């Protein structure tokens, strides 16, 4: 029904019922641009790419440690701990022995605790004996370096490793401290300083992915 027919119909309804006559105008419905919606988040790695990257990282960690005899993986809560477990399982499959695992919650060791937003829930810290071990800290994203510094401070309170290394799934640059990773899954060069890099993992998020969300800086 076009606008002229609609107006004629409503005039007849008004005449027969006495109800007030109101002009109704219909605006065209514009389709929502899915491209505009999806442009707010950018996908960097899917589940297959993450699996391949972790396999490579596992091999490089064993090389860094000179074998598995003294290797100890320590994941930073929360996602770093789950990534450490996956890397440990890959090492066990390739070398027949699984390295011991530890986990750190570094919340109370951060030097910027008052500036990182709402205080997160404090997780569990558990560490096997560290003395003489080659400890590889595992985390999801390396950014400012303050998380890693806090992790090393906490490790120093628990023991004296022979060596400490760092393995990260994503190195996004933007360091505020002179800290570099020994094993890197992917290095990013096209991330704005205030964008957030999100690592999603099945254990916590129901899927594996690495995405960039604009305008929401994280501190790691």
Protein backbone atom coordinates (compact mmCIF):
# COMPACT_ATOMS: atom_id res chain seq x y z
CA UNK A 1 0.00 0.00 0.00
CA UNK A 2 1.48 3.36 -1.05
CA UNK A 3 1.21 6.60 0.94
CA UNK A 4 -1.81 7.91 -1.07
CA UNK A 5 -3.81 4.71 -0.52
CA UNK A 6 -2.91 4.68 3.19
CA UNK A 7 -4.09 8.30 3.64
CA UNK A 8 -7.40 7.57 1.82
CA UNK A 9 -8.01 4.49 4.01
CA UNK A 10 -7.35 6.39 7.22
CA UNK A 11 -9.68 9.23 6.13
CA UNK A 12 -12.50 6.72 5.59
CA UNK A 13 -11.79 5.18 9.02
CA UNK A 14 -11.99 8.65 10.58
CA UNK A 15 -15.27 9.42 8.82
CA UNK A 16 -16.94 6.16 9.88
CA UNK A 17 -15.70 5.96 13.48
CA UNK A 18 -15.10 9.54 14.52
CA UNK A 19 -11.57 8.66 15.66
CA UNK A 20 -8.99 11.42 15.17
CA UNK A 21 -7.13 11.37 11.91
CA UNK A 22 -3.37 11.27 12.17
CA UNK A 23 -0.92 11.37 9.30
CA UNK A 24 1.51 8.46 9.49
CA UNK A 25 4.78 8.61 7.67
CA UNK A 26 6.91 5.55 7.10
CA UNK A 27 10.67 5.97 6.97
CA UNK A 28 12.72 3.47 5.01
CA UNK A 29 14.52 0.88 7.12
CA UNK A 30 18.22 1.03 6.49
CA UNK A 31 20.16 -2.23 6.72
CA UNK A 32 22.64 -2.43 9.61
CA UNK A 33 26.19 -2.59 8.39
CA UNK A 34 27.78 -5.73 9.78
CA UNK A 35 31.09 -4.40 8.60
CA UNK A 36 30.77 -1.37 10.85
CA UNK A 37 29.92 -3.55 13.85
CA UNK A 38 32.72 -6.04 13.31
CA UNK A 39 35.20 -3.23 12.66
CA UNK A 40 35.18 -2.45 16.37
CA UNK A 41 37.09 -5.68 17.07
CA UNK A 42 39.83 -7.14 14.91
CA UNK A 43 40.74 -10.84 14.90
CA UNK A 44 44.45 -11.68 14.91
CA UNK A 45 44.66 -15.42 15.62
CA UNK A 46 42.08 -18.19 15.52
CA UNK A 47 42.16 -21.47 17.42
CA UNK A 48 44.27 -23.32 14.84
CA UNK A 49 46.84 -20.52 14.72
CA UNK A 50 47.05 -20.46 18.52
CA UNK A 51 47.55 -24.24 18.65
CA UNK A 52 50.39 -24.07 16.11
CA UNK A 53 51.96 -21.16 17.95
CA UNK A 54 51.90 -22.94 21.31
CA UNK A 55 53.48 -26.04 19.76
CA UNK A 56 56.34 -23.94 18.43
CA UNK A 57 56.72 -22.13 21.74
CA UNK A 58 56.95 -25.47 23.57
CA UNK A 59 59.88 -26.53 21.37
CA UNK A 60 61.63 -23.18 21.85
CA UNK A 61 61.18 -23.34 25.62
CA UNK A 62 62.86 -26.75 25.78
CA UNK A 63 65.74 -25.37 23.71
CA UNK A 64 66.01 -22.34 26.01
CA UNK A 65 66.14 -24.60 29.08
CA UNK A 66 68.64 -27.00 27.53
CA UNK A 67 66.22 -29.89 27.91
CA UNK A 68 63.49 -30.79 30.37
CA UNK A 69 65.53 -31.96 33.38
CA UNK A 70 65.44 -28.68 35.30
CA UNK A 71 62.60 -26.94 33.48
CA UNK A 72 59.76 -25.47 35.52
CA UNK A 73 56.83 -23.65 33.90
CA UNK A 74 55.18 -20.91 35.93
CA UNK A 75 52.02 -19.38 34.50
CA UNK A 76 50.73 -15.97 35.54
CA UNK A 77 47.10 -16.12 36.60
CA UNK A 78 44.77 -16.40 34.92
CA UNK A 79 45.36 -17.08 31.25
CA UNK A 80 49.10 -17.55 31.56
CA UNK A 81 48.51 -20.47 33.92
CA UNK A 82 46.26 -22.23 31.40
CA UNK A 83 48.70 -21.58 28.57
CA UNK A 84 51.50 -23.04 30.72
CA UNK A 85 49.46 -26.21 31.22
CA UNK A 86 48.97 -26.57 27.47
CA UNK A 87 52.65 -26.01 26.77
CA UNK A 88 53.54 -28.54 29.47
CA UNK A 89 51.26 -31.13 27.87
CA UNK A 90 52.91 -30.54 24.49
CA UNK A 91 56.38 -30.96 26.01
CA UNK A 92 55.27 -34.16 27.74
CA UNK A 93 53.98 -35.58 24.46
CA UNK A 94 57.19 -34.73 22.60
CA UNK A 95 59.72 -35.68 25.29
CA UNK A 96 57.96 -38.28 27.41
CA UNK A 97 58.11 -36.25 30.62
CA UNK A 98 56.02 -33.33 31.80
CA UNK A 99 57.77 -30.37 33.43
CA UNK A 100 56.42 -29.35 36.82
CA UNK A 101 53.95 -26.47 36.77
CA UNK A 102 53.44 -23.50 39.02
CA UNK A 103 51.05 -20.55 39.03
CA UNK A 104 51.42 -16.98 40.24
CA UNK A 105 48.92 -14.32 41.14
CA UNK A 106 50.95 -11.11 41.06
CA UNK A 107 48.17 -8.68 42.03
CA UNK A 108 49.70 -7.58 45.33
CA UNK A 109 53.20 -7.37 43.82
CA UNK A 110 52.34 -4.79 41.15
CA UNK A 111 53.87 -1.32 41.50
CA UNK A 112 50.88 0.25 39.72
CA UNK A 113 48.09 -1.43 41.69
CA UNK A 114 46.20 1.84 42.17
CA UNK A 115 46.22 2.72 38.45
CA UNK A 116 45.17 -0.49 36.70
CA UNK A 117 41.44 -0.10 37.26
CA UNK A 118 39.14 -2.03 39.60
CA UNK A 119 41.08 -4.38 41.84
CA UNK A 120 40.91 -7.89 40.37
CA UNK A 121 40.05 -10.99 42.35
CA UNK A 122 43.20 -12.44 43.86
CA UNK A 123 43.90 -15.92 42.54
CA UNK A 124 46.02 -18.80 43.70
CA UNK A 125 49.80 -18.88 43.89
CA UNK A 126 51.42 -22.31 44.10
CA UNK A 127 55.02 -23.10 43.26
CA UNK A 128 57.11 -26.28 43.38
CA UNK A 129 60.65 -25.95 44.80
CA UNK A 130 62.48 -23.33 42.73
CA UNK A 131 66.09 -23.61 43.81
CA UNK A 132 68.36 -24.63 40.95
CA UNK A 133 65.48 -24.77 38.47
CA UNK A 134 65.26 -23.10 35.08
CA UNK A 135 61.99 -21.24 35.52
CA UNK A 136 60.08 -20.06 32.46
CA UNK A 137 57.33 -17.58 33.23
CA UNK A 138 54.37 -17.95 30.85
CA UNK A 139 51.90 -15.16 30.15
CA UNK A 140 49.35 -14.29 27.49
CA UNK A 141 50.32 -10.69 26.57
CA UNK A 142 53.51 -8.71 27.18
CA UNK A 143 52.92 -4.95 27.14
CA UNK A 144 54.38 -2.57 29.75
CA UNK A 145 56.45 -5.25 31.48
CA UNK A 146 55.07 -4.48 34.94
CA UNK A 147 53.29 -7.82 35.28
CA UNK A 148 56.52 -9.71 34.55
CA UNK A 149 58.48 -7.57 36.98
CA UNK A 150 55.91 -8.35 39.67
CA UNK A 151 56.16 -12.07 38.82
CA UNK A 152 59.94 -12.04 39.23
CA UNK A 153 59.63 -10.23 42.55
CA UNK A 154 57.22 -12.89 43.79
CA UNK A 155 59.41 -15.75 42.57
CA UNK A 156 62.35 -14.22 44.46
CA UNK A 157 60.31 -14.51 47.67
CA UNK A 158 59.89 -18.27 47.14
CA UNK A 159 63.34 -19.44 46.08
CA UNK A 160 66.44 -18.98 44.00
CA UNK A 161 66.17 -20.40 40.47
CA UNK A 162 69.29 -21.00 38.39
CA UNK A 163 67.73 -18.99 35.56
CA UNK A 164 64.48 -17.23 34.76
CA UNK A 165 63.05 -16.92 31.25
CA UNK A 166 59.87 -15.45 29.82
CA UNK A 167 57.50 -16.92 27.23
CA UNK A 168 54.50 -14.92 25.97
CA UNK A 169 51.86 -15.73 23.40
CA UNK A 170 51.64 -12.08 22.26
CA UNK A 171 54.27 -9.32 22.45
CA UNK A 172 52.49 -6.09 21.60
CA UNK A 173 55.39 -3.72 22.31
CA UNK A 174 54.92 -0.52 24.34
CA UNK A 175 57.34 -1.43 27.10
CA UNK A 176 57.66 0.81 30.17
CA UNK A 177 60.36 -1.37 31.75
CA UNK A 178 63.44 -2.98 30.14
CA UNK A 179 61.91 -6.47 29.97
CA UNK A 180 61.97 -8.70 26.90
CA UNK A 181 60.61 -12.17 26.24
CA UNK A 182 62.88 -15.12 25.43
CA UNK A 183 60.13 -17.00 23.60
CA UNK A 184 57.42 -15.12 21.68
CA UNK A 185 54.41 -16.54 19.89
CA UNK A 186 53.52 -13.47 17.83
CA UNK A 187 54.87 -9.91 17.76
CA UNK A 188 52.37 -7.17 16.95
CA UNK A 189 53.39 -3.95 15.25
CA UNK A 190 50.06 -2.36 14.31
CA UNK A 191 48.35 -1.92 17.66
CA UNK A 192 47.61 1.58 18.94
CA UNK A 193 48.86 2.36 22.47
CA UNK A 194 45.33 2.56 23.90
CA UNK A 195 43.96 -0.53 22.17
CA UNK A 196 43.46 -3.71 24.17
CA UNK A 197 44.74 -7.10 23.04
CA UNK A 198 42.41 -9.85 24.26
CA UNK A 199 43.59 -13.45 24.44
CA UNK A 200 40.57 -15.74 24.68
CA UNK A 201 41.07 -19.33 25.79
CA UNK A 202 38.64 -22.21 25.90
CA UNK A 203 39.19 -22.91 29.60
CA UNK A 204 37.86 -19.46 30.57
CA UNK A 205 36.12 -18.02 27.50
CA UNK A 206 34.77 -21.02 25.63
CA UNK A 207 36.93 -20.37 22.56
CA UNK A 208 40.52 -19.73 21.50
CA UNK A 209 41.24 -16.42 19.76
CA UNK A 210 43.35 -13.29 19.87
CA UNK A 211 41.51 -10.05 19.15
CA UNK A 212 42.15 -6.32 19.32
CA UNK A 213 39.54 -4.06 20.95
CA UNK A 214 40.02 -0.36 20.22
CA UNK A 215 40.44 2.33 22.82
CA UNK A 216 40.77 0.24 25.98
CA UNK A 217 44.39 0.07 27.14
CA UNK A 218 45.43 -2.82 29.37
CA UNK A 219 48.42 -2.81 31.68
CA UNK A 220 50.53 -5.98 31.50
